[in-house]
Amino acid sequence: QVQLVESGGGLVQAGDSLRLSCAASGGSFSDYHMGWFRQAPGKEREFVAFITWNSDSTDYGDSVKGRFTISRDNAKTTVWLQMNSLRPDDTAVYYCGAVERWGFTNLRSWRPYDYWGQGTQVTVSS
């Protein structure tokens, strides 16, 4: 059983940066691919980024490509999301998720993820 705790959200202005953290405990962190998703009020959970268990592959949603960067440190059991050039439409609750690395999985979909954090609110004002 993996527990995930996100932190680092807040209220910022357009153009600012934030760095979200997701600390994992209770499992073998390197057994999991990690993803970031976000959900705005009235909208479906949206893919933001994923990183494979050994960091050899990352991918980003089209709306954040070139502005956000995902990274992880297996020794620190933490995954980060560096968010630059924030825009008002980035406003959402951001969630990190973990999915076991064995087998073929569509990491851009929230459905395969086994564990989720409680989320952290990011609000970007114009």
Foldseek 3Di string as FASTA:
>chain_A
DKAKAKDWADEEAAQAKTKMKIAIDDDQLLQWKKFKWWDDPPDDIFGAKIAHSVRPDMDGDPVQPPFWDWDDDSVRRMIMIIGGRDDQVVWTWMKMFIAGRPDDDDPRDPVRTDDIYPTDTHGYHD
